[in-house]
């Protein structure tokens, strides 16, 4: 299959992956889980340990273990220990969103965070770490019991601690990461139910995006009606911003291609939808205000709302371009891929301090209006791997097969 990269760039991707893993290794929290890292890579030990960070770092170090990165397996074990211990709610099941020195500080149970529990458990299972399979079984049982809704074919969003109250909100972001998690679960467990559910989620949201000119609404009520004005007064929200999120257009495009490939290339509408999402995100988001980079969000006519350049948006653009080039062989995607890696190397990669700047302002200077510090390497690390791997199976399984 065609790839937009040559031998020299392959070496650069390998080097960057290892540089990211070295930076992230400082995040091990002595009480369990992984700490938020500041701009210099120092762990913020006085800050709560957050579930999504711990899961994403556990996943990242599992990928590192498959690369032969020294010490990665011990860091995976550290993450699994936190997910089976400190972060686990033994009374009501599920996992706390955050814990502090004296115990849980945020006790709600969100689909976003719990999707990453599944992903971390899958990747840890691929590298055969102790306790990972049991963790995965527990996480998938909870998905079945609490998050999956069969009639809409999607997951709900946020429960309270004891799963007696469900928030009157449904979100695209949580469903998007659930697709990634379910694809990994399908590969690790060999149970086709997870691939079927991943496909149903993608089909639902591609349909919504198509109905809105391929700008995907993020926020929905309990009847799954889009709430297009949600958080208009808080447009830079890190998880639920107002308007269309450019980076999610790219991310959904890539995930649609992963489902298409995992399901045997039997659904051309998924590939066509991926191309349409990609085209819209490029048209709305890239160099939209006279400066290179992607704006964070736009309104429903495609005008920029939050002009900050978030690193994860660029990584997902890179990944989507690589995936579409692999799926179609169309060289336009190779051109975009190289263009955006050049941009990332110039502006986002912190060659001196390590990792990537997580946020830049509209003139591509380091900023912190949406995110502070460099909390994890999940997006950047995957941008060094997706271009080197097939569309299916999931990253960890493909690496274990020696696909890189």
Protein backbone atom coordinates (compact mmCIF):
# COMPACT_ATOMS: atom_id res chain seq x y z
CA UNK A 1 0.00 0.00 0.00
CA UNK A 2 1.25 3.57 -0.66
CA UNK A 3 2.77 5.62 2.13
CA UNK A 4 3.52 9.35 2.13
CA UNK A 5 6.88 8.85 3.83
CA UNK A 6 10.38 7.76 2.90
CA UNK A 7 13.20 6.03 4.75
CA UNK A 8 14.67 9.23 6.18
CA UNK A 9 11.32 10.34 7.57
CA UNK A 10 10.73 6.88 9.05
CA UNK A 11 13.94 7.32 11.02
CA UNK A 12 12.81 10.77 12.13
CA UNK A 13 9.48 9.37 13.36
CA UNK A 14 11.27 6.69 15.36
CA UNK A 15 13.57 9.27 16.90
CA UNK A 16 10.66 11.55 17.80
CA UNK A 17 8.71 8.68 19.38
CA UNK A 18 11.60 7.84 21.66
CA UNK A 19 12.16 11.50 22.52
CA UNK A 20 8.52 11.77 23.58
CA UNK A 21 8.72 8.61 25.70
CA UNK A 22 11.83 9.90 27.48
CA UNK A 23 10.03 13.15 28.30
CA UNK A 24 6.94 11.37 29.58
CA UNK A 25 8.85 8.98 31.80
CA UNK A 26 9.08 11.72 34.44
CA UNK A 27 5.30 11.57 34.89
CA UNK A 28 5.25 8.57 37.20
CA UNK A 29 3.47 9.71 40.37
CA UNK A 30 4.90 8.19 43.58
CA UNK A 31 1.39 7.62 44.98
CA UNK A 32 0.14 5.90 41.84
CA UNK A 33 -0.88 6.87 38.34
CA UNK A 34 0.70 9.57 36.20
CA UNK A 35 1.09 13.22 37.08
CA UNK A 36 0.34 16.21 34.89
CA UNK A 37 3.62 17.50 33.40
CA UNK A 38 4.39 21.20 33.16
CA UNK A 39 6.06 22.96 30.23
CA UNK A 40 9.49 21.78 31.38
CA UNK A 41 8.32 18.20 31.93
CA UNK A 42 8.23 18.44 35.72
CA UNK A 43 5.50 16.34 37.38
CA UNK A 44 2.92 18.43 39.23
CA UNK A 45 2.72 16.27 42.33
CA UNK A 46 0.44 18.69 44.18
CA UNK A 47 -2.14 18.38 41.42
CA UNK A 48 -4.77 15.62 41.31
CA UNK A 49 -3.97 12.50 39.35
CA UNK A 50 -6.52 12.39 36.54
CA UNK A 51 -7.93 9.16 35.14
CA UNK A 52 -7.65 10.13 31.47
CA UNK A 53 -4.00 11.14 31.85
CA UNK A 54 -3.11 7.90 33.63
CA UNK A 55 -4.88 5.82 30.98
CA UNK A 56 -3.34 7.64 28.06
CA UNK A 57 0.14 7.40 29.53
CA UNK A 58 -0.34 3.70 30.26
CA UNK A 59 -1.36 3.21 26.63
CA UNK A 60 1.63 5.25 25.46
CA UNK A 61 4.11 3.24 27.49
CA UNK A 62 2.57 0.00 26.23
CA UNK A 63 3.32 1.24 22.72
CA UNK A 64 6.79 2.15 23.99
CA UNK A 65 7.26 -1.39 25.29
CA UNK A 66 6.43 -2.70 21.83
CA UNK A 67 9.16 -0.40 20.49
CA UNK A 68 11.64 -1.80 22.99
CA UNK A 69 11.87 1.48 24.92
CA UNK A 70 13.84 0.83 28.15
CA UNK A 71 11.71 0.84 31.29
CA UNK A 72 8.41 1.02 29.44
CA UNK A 73 7.03 -2.24 30.81
CA UNK A 74 7.54 -1.08 34.39
CA UNK A 75 5.65 2.12 33.58
CA UNK A 76 2.79 0.11 32.09
CA UNK A 77 2.67 -1.92 35.29
CA UNK A 78 2.60 1.32 37.28
CA UNK A 79 -0.41 2.48 35.29
CA UNK A 80 -2.26 -0.83 35.59
CA UNK A 81 -1.63 -0.81 39.35
CA UNK A 82 -3.28 2.62 39.63
CA UNK A 83 -6.25 1.49 37.53
CA UNK A 84 -6.77 -1.59 39.67
CA UNK A 85 -6.04 0.27 42.90
CA UNK A 86 -5.98 3.99 43.60
CA UNK A 87 -8.32 5.07 40.80
CA UNK A 88 -10.76 2.17 41.09
CA UNK A 89 -14.07 2.69 42.90
CA UNK A 90 -14.36 -0.55 44.82
CA UNK A 91 -17.78 0.29 46.21
CA UNK A 92 -19.76 1.26 43.11
CA UNK A 93 -17.56 0.10 40.29
CA UNK A 94 -15.91 2.10 37.57
CA UNK A 95 -13.10 4.59 38.03
CA UNK A 96 -12.80 7.97 39.72
CA UNK A 97 -12.17 10.88 37.37
CA UNK A 98 -9.48 12.25 39.71
CA UNK A 99 -7.79 11.41 42.98
CA UNK A 100 -5.72 13.53 45.36
CA UNK A 101 -3.38 12.78 48.23
CA UNK A 102 -6.31 11.95 50.52
CA UNK A 103 -8.52 10.03 48.10
CA UNK A 104 -10.98 10.72 45.28
CA UNK A 105 -11.66 14.37 44.45
CA UNK A 106 -13.84 13.98 41.32
CA UNK A 107 -16.15 11.00 41.57
CA UNK A 108 -18.31 11.22 38.45
CA UNK A 109 -18.04 8.38 35.93
CA UNK A 110 -17.60 9.73 32.41
CA UNK A 111 -17.68 7.84 29.12
CA UNK A 112 -14.68 9.88 27.92
CA UNK A 113 -12.43 8.73 30.74
CA UNK A 114 -13.79 5.18 30.75
CA UNK A 115 -13.05 4.80 27.05
CA UNK A 116 -9.41 5.39 27.89
CA UNK A 117 -9.56 2.72 30.60
CA UNK A 118 -10.53 0.25 27.87
CA UNK A 119 -7.76 1.51 25.57
CA UNK A 120 -5.10 1.33 28.29
CA UNK A 121 -6.21 -2.16 29.29
CA UNK A 122 -6.15 -3.33 25.66
CA UNK A 123 -2.64 -2.02 25.02
CA UNK A 124 -1.37 -3.41 28.33
CA UNK A 125 -2.93 -6.76 27.40
CA UNK A 126 -1.08 -6.82 24.09
CA UNK A 127 2.23 -6.51 25.97
CA UNK A 128 0.99 -9.18 28.40
CA UNK A 129 1.33 -7.16 31.59
CA UNK A 130 0.03 -8.68 34.85
CA UNK A 131 -3.56 -7.75 35.66
CA UNK A 132 -4.25 -6.21 32.26
CA UNK A 133 -6.69 -8.87 31.03
CA UNK A 134 -8.74 -8.73 34.21
CA UNK A 135 -8.77 -4.94 34.00
CA UNK A 136 -10.01 -5.15 30.41
CA UNK A 137 -12.77 -7.60 31.29
CA UNK A 138 -13.92 -5.29 34.09
CA UNK A 139 -13.84 -2.21 31.85
CA UNK A 140 -15.78 -3.89 29.03
CA UNK A 141 -18.40 -5.22 31.44
CA UNK A 142 -18.95 -1.66 32.64
CA UNK A 143 -19.27 -0.46 29.05
CA UNK A 144 -22.00 -3.03 28.54
CA UNK A 145 -23.84 -2.25 31.75
CA UNK A 146 -23.57 1.52 32.03
CA UNK A 147 -22.46 3.32 28.88
CA UNK A 148 -23.69 1.58 25.74
CA UNK A 149 -27.22 2.45 24.55
CA UNK A 150 -28.47 -0.01 21.99
CA UNK A 151 -31.28 2.00 20.40
CA UNK A 152 -29.24 5.07 19.37
CA UNK A 153 -26.12 2.96 18.86
CA UNK A 154 -23.88 5.22 20.93
CA UNK A 155 -22.69 5.78 24.49
CA UNK A 156 -24.14 8.08 27.12
CA UNK A 157 -21.84 10.60 28.74
CA UNK A 158 -21.57 11.22 32.51
CA UNK A 159 -22.96 9.31 35.49
CA UNK A 160 -22.69 10.23 39.13
CA UNK A 161 -20.57 8.06 41.38
CA UNK A 162 -23.10 5.32 42.13
CA UNK A 163 -24.64 5.25 38.64
CA UNK A 164 -28.05 6.48 39.80
CA UNK A 165 -28.07 9.84 37.98
CA UNK A 166 -27.19 10.36 34.33
CA UNK A 167 -26.36 13.81 33.00
CA UNK A 168 -28.82 15.27 30.48
CA UNK A 169 -26.08 15.56 27.87
CA UNK A 170 -24.73 13.37 25.09
CA UNK A 171 -21.39 14.13 23.51
CA UNK A 172 -19.49 13.40 20.32
CA UNK A 173 -16.09 13.54 22.03
CA UNK A 174 -16.78 10.66 24.39
CA UNK A 175 -18.22 8.62 21.54
CA UNK A 176 -15.22 9.35 19.34
CA UNK A 177 -12.76 7.96 21.88
CA UNK A 178 -15.09 5.07 22.53
CA UNK A 179 -14.73 4.12 18.86
CA UNK A 180 -10.95 3.94 19.32
CA UNK A 181 -11.39 1.86 22.46
CA UNK A 182 -13.91 -0.53 20.91
CA UNK A 183 -11.68 -1.10 17.87
CA UNK A 184 -8.85 -2.06 20.21
CA UNK A 185 -11.19 -4.28 22.23
CA UNK A 186 -12.30 -6.06 19.06
CA UNK A 187 -8.68 -6.83 18.19
CA UNK A 188 -7.68 -7.97 21.67
CA UNK A 189 -10.77 -9.98 22.64
CA UNK A 190 -11.71 -11.22 19.14
CA UNK A 191 -15.33 -10.48 20.04
CA UNK A 192 -17.03 -8.94 16.98
CA UNK A 193 -19.56 -7.07 19.13
CA UNK A 194 -17.03 -4.28 19.71
CA UNK A 195 -16.32 -3.72 16.03
CA UNK A 196 -20.06 -3.70 15.35
CA UNK A 197 -20.59 -1.05 18.00
CA UNK A 198 -17.67 1.04 16.77
CA UNK A 199 -19.18 1.00 13.29
CA UNK A 200 -22.61 2.01 14.57
CA UNK A 201 -21.16 4.99 16.43
CA UNK A 202 -19.20 6.13 13.38
CA UNK A 203 -22.21 5.76 11.10
CA UNK A 204 -24.36 7.82 13.48
CA UNK A 205 -21.92 10.71 13.67
CA UNK A 206 -21.04 10.69 9.99
CA UNK A 207 -24.75 11.10 9.33
CA UNK A 208 -24.98 14.06 11.68
CA UNK A 209 -21.91 15.65 10.12
CA UNK A 210 -23.32 15.19 6.62
CA UNK A 211 -26.52 16.96 7.70
CA UNK A 212 -24.46 19.96 8.85
CA UNK A 213 -22.20 20.45 5.86
CA UNK A 214 -19.60 18.07 7.34
CA UNK A 215 -19.11 20.31 10.38
CA UNK A 216 -19.81 17.86 13.17
CA UNK A 217 -21.98 19.01 16.09
CA UNK A 218 -20.36 18.04 19.39
CA UNK A 219 -23.21 18.43 21.85
CA UNK A 220 -26.61 16.73 22.04
CA UNK A 221 -29.59 16.46 24.35
CA UNK A 222 -31.04 13.18 25.61
CA UNK A 223 -33.02 12.73 22.38
CA UNK A 224 -29.80 13.10 20.40
CA UNK A 225 -30.86 16.46 18.99
CA UNK A 226 -27.84 18.72 18.33
CA UNK A 227 -27.37 21.66 20.70
CA UNK A 228 -25.58 24.02 18.33
CA UNK A 229 -25.30 26.91 20.80
CA UNK A 230 -23.99 24.83 23.71
CA UNK A 231 -21.18 26.64 25.59
CA UNK A 232 -21.36 29.68 23.33
CA UNK A 233 -20.34 31.67 26.43
CA UNK A 234 -17.35 29.37 27.03
CA UNK A 235 -15.99 28.85 23.51
CA UNK A 236 -12.50 27.73 24.61
CA UNK A 237 -13.71 24.90 26.84
CA UNK A 238 -11.04 22.14 26.68
CA UNK A 239 -13.58 19.31 26.37
CA UNK A 240 -16.92 20.86 25.33
CA UNK A 241 -16.21 23.95 23.24
CA UNK A 242 -18.85 25.84 21.29
CA UNK A 243 -19.10 25.26 17.56
CA UNK A 244 -17.30 22.80 15.29
CA UNK A 245 -13.97 21.42 16.52
CA UNK A 246 -11.59 21.26 13.56
CA UNK A 247 -9.37 18.57 15.06
CA UNK A 248 -12.30 16.28 15.65
CA UNK A 249 -13.18 16.43 11.97
CA UNK A 250 -9.76 14.95 11.27
CA UNK A 251 -9.98 12.47 14.12
CA UNK A 252 -13.40 11.15 13.08
CA UNK A 253 -12.10 10.85 9.51
CA UNK A 254 -9.24 8.64 10.64
CA UNK A 255 -11.43 6.54 12.89
CA UNK A 256 -13.92 6.00 10.07
CA UNK A 257 -11.06 4.60 7.99
CA UNK A 258 -9.95 2.32 10.82
CA UNK A 259 -13.49 0.93 11.04
CA UNK A 260 -13.64 0.61 7.24
CA UNK A 261 -10.40 -1.39 7.23
CA UNK A 262 -11.24 -3.51 10.29
CA UNK A 263 -14.60 -4.39 8.75
CA UNK A 264 -13.01 -5.69 5.57
CA UNK A 265 -13.35 -2.59 3.37
CA UNK A 266 -17.03 -3.41 2.95
CA UNK A 267 -18.47 0.07 3.59
CA UNK A 268 -17.36 2.62 0.97
CA UNK A 269 -19.55 5.23 2.62
CA UNK A 270 -17.13 5.28 5.54
CA UNK A 271 -14.22 6.10 3.25
CA UNK A 272 -16.26 8.73 1.43
CA UNK A 273 -17.34 10.25 4.75
CA UNK A 274 -13.73 10.36 5.91
CA UNK A 275 -12.75 12.32 2.79
CA UNK A 276 -15.63 14.77 3.27
CA UNK A 277 -14.77 15.39 6.93
CA UNK A 278 -11.13 15.90 5.99
CA UNK A 279 -11.94 18.37 3.22
CA UNK A 280 -14.20 20.42 5.49
CA UNK A 281 -11.63 20.53 8.31
CA UNK A 282 -8.93 21.68 5.90
CA UNK A 283 -11.13 24.35 4.33
CA UNK A 284 -12.31 25.73 7.68
CA UNK A 285 -9.30 25.21 9.88
CA UNK A 286 -5.98 25.44 8.04
CA UNK A 287 -4.42 28.91 7.69
CA UNK A 288 -7.85 30.37 8.35
CA UNK A 289 -6.75 33.73 9.73
CA UNK A 290 -3.62 34.76 7.87
CA UNK A 291 -1.18 32.62 9.85
CA UNK A 292 -0.16 28.97 9.43
CA UNK A 293 -1.74 26.42 11.75
CA UNK A 294 -5.20 25.16 12.60
CA UNK A 295 -7.73 27.17 14.56
CA UNK A 296 -9.33 25.27 17.44
CA UNK A 297 -13.01 25.89 16.60
CA UNK A 298 -15.29 27.55 14.09
CA UNK A 299 -18.91 28.62 14.03
CA UNK A 300 -21.48 26.89 11.85
CA UNK A 301 -20.55 28.98 8.82
CA UNK A 302 -16.89 28.03 9.17
CA UNK A 303 -15.61 31.30 10.64
CA UNK A 304 -12.89 30.95 13.31
CA UNK A 305 -14.06 31.26 16.91
CA UNK A 306 -11.08 30.16 19.02
CA UNK A 307 -7.89 30.84 17.11
CA UNK A 308 -5.49 29.03 19.43
CA UNK A 309 -3.38 26.35 17.78
CA UNK A 310 -3.64 23.16 19.83
CA UNK A 311 -1.01 20.53 19.20
CA UNK A 312 -3.48 17.66 19.10
CA UNK A 313 -5.33 19.23 16.18
CA UNK A 314 -2.16 19.17 14.08
CA UNK A 315 -1.39 15.58 15.09
CA UNK A 316 -4.85 14.44 14.05
CA UNK A 317 -4.54 16.28 10.75
CA UNK A 318 -1.25 14.48 10.16
CA UNK A 319 -2.79 11.14 11.05
CA UNK A 320 -5.87 11.68 8.88
CA UNK A 321 -3.75 12.66 5.89
CA UNK A 322 -1.59 9.56 6.33
CA UNK A 323 -4.65 7.33 6.70
CA UNK A 324 -6.38 8.75 3.64
CA UNK A 325 -3.20 8.44 1.58
CA UNK A 326 -2.98 4.80 2.62
CA UNK A 327 -6.67 4.19 1.86
CA UNK A 328 -6.83 5.98 -1.48
CA UNK A 329 -3.31 6.38 -2.84
CA UNK A 330 -4.20 9.99 -3.69
CA UNK A 331 -1.02 12.09 -3.54
CA UNK A 332 -2.89 15.19 -2.35
CA UNK A 333 -2.97 13.57 1.08
CA UNK A 334 0.76 12.95 0.95
CA UNK A 335 1.29 16.64 0.21
CA UNK A 336 -0.87 17.66 3.15
CA UNK A 337 0.92 15.15 5.38
CA UNK A 338 4.33 16.60 4.59
CA UNK A 339 3.05 20.17 4.87
CA UNK A 340 1.69 19.61 8.36
CA UNK A 341 4.72 17.72 9.61
CA UNK A 342 6.83 20.66 8.46
CA UNK A 343 4.51 23.00 10.38
CA UNK A 344 4.65 20.84 13.51
CA UNK A 345 8.43 20.59 13.37
CA UNK A 346 8.77 24.34 13.02
CA UNK A 347 6.25 25.52 15.58
CA UNK A 348 4.92 22.73 17.83
CA UNK A 349 7.81 20.41 18.55
CA UNK A 350 9.76 21.79 21.49
CA UNK A 351 13.26 20.89 20.41
CA UNK A 352 14.83 22.29 23.58
CA UNK A 353 12.33 21.63 26.34
CA UNK A 354 11.03 18.29 25.11
CA UNK A 355 7.67 17.01 23.94
CA UNK A 356 5.40 19.39 21.98
CA UNK A 357 3.96 22.73 22.97
CA UNK A 358 0.37 21.80 23.71
CA UNK A 359 -0.97 25.22 22.73
CA UNK A 360 0.16 28.16 20.61
CA UNK A 361 -1.56 31.50 20.15
CA UNK A 362 -2.82 32.78 16.80
CA UNK A 363 0.72 33.88 15.93
CA UNK A 364 2.22 30.50 16.82
CA UNK A 365 3.77 31.52 20.13
CA UNK A 366 3.50 29.23 23.20
CA UNK A 367 0.30 29.96 25.11
CA UNK A 368 -1.95 28.48 27.79
CA UNK A 369 -5.47 29.82 27.37
CA UNK A 370 -6.98 26.34 26.83
CA UNK A 371 -4.24 24.01 28.15
CA UNK A 372 -1.34 24.54 30.51
CA UNK A 373 1.84 22.51 30.44
CA UNK A 374 2.43 19.30 28.51
CA UNK A 375 0.21 16.85 30.37
CA UNK A 376 0.66 13.75 28.20
CA UNK A 377 2.11 12.44 24.92
CA UNK A 378 -0.85 10.45 23.60
CA UNK A 379 -1.59 12.52 20.49
CA UNK A 380 2.00 13.33 19.56
CA UNK A 381 3.20 9.76 20.03
CA UNK A 382 0.42 8.39 17.85
CA UNK A 383 1.39 10.87 15.13
CA UNK A 384 4.76 9.12 14.98
CA UNK A 385 3.09 5.69 14.67
CA UNK A 386 -0.09 5.99 12.57
CA UNK A 387 1.87 6.89 9.41
CA UNK A 388 3.99 3.74 9.80
CA UNK A 389 1.19 1.25 10.41
CA UNK A 390 -1.73 -0.30 8.53
CA UNK A 391 -5.26 0.98 9.14
CA UNK A 392 -6.10 -2.26 10.96
CA UNK A 393 -5.57 -3.78 13.45
CA UNK A 394 -5.21 -1.25 16.29
CA UNK A 395 -1.81 0.34 16.97
CA UNK A 396 -0.68 -2.04 19.70
CA UNK A 397 -1.74 -5.18 17.86
CA UNK A 398 -0.15 -3.97 14.61
CA UNK A 399 3.10 -3.19 16.41
CA UNK A 400 3.08 -6.58 18.09
CA UNK A 401 2.85 -8.14 14.63
CA UNK A 402 5.92 -6.22 13.56
CA UNK A 403 4.16 -3.92 11.12
CA UNK A 404 6.39 -0.88 11.77
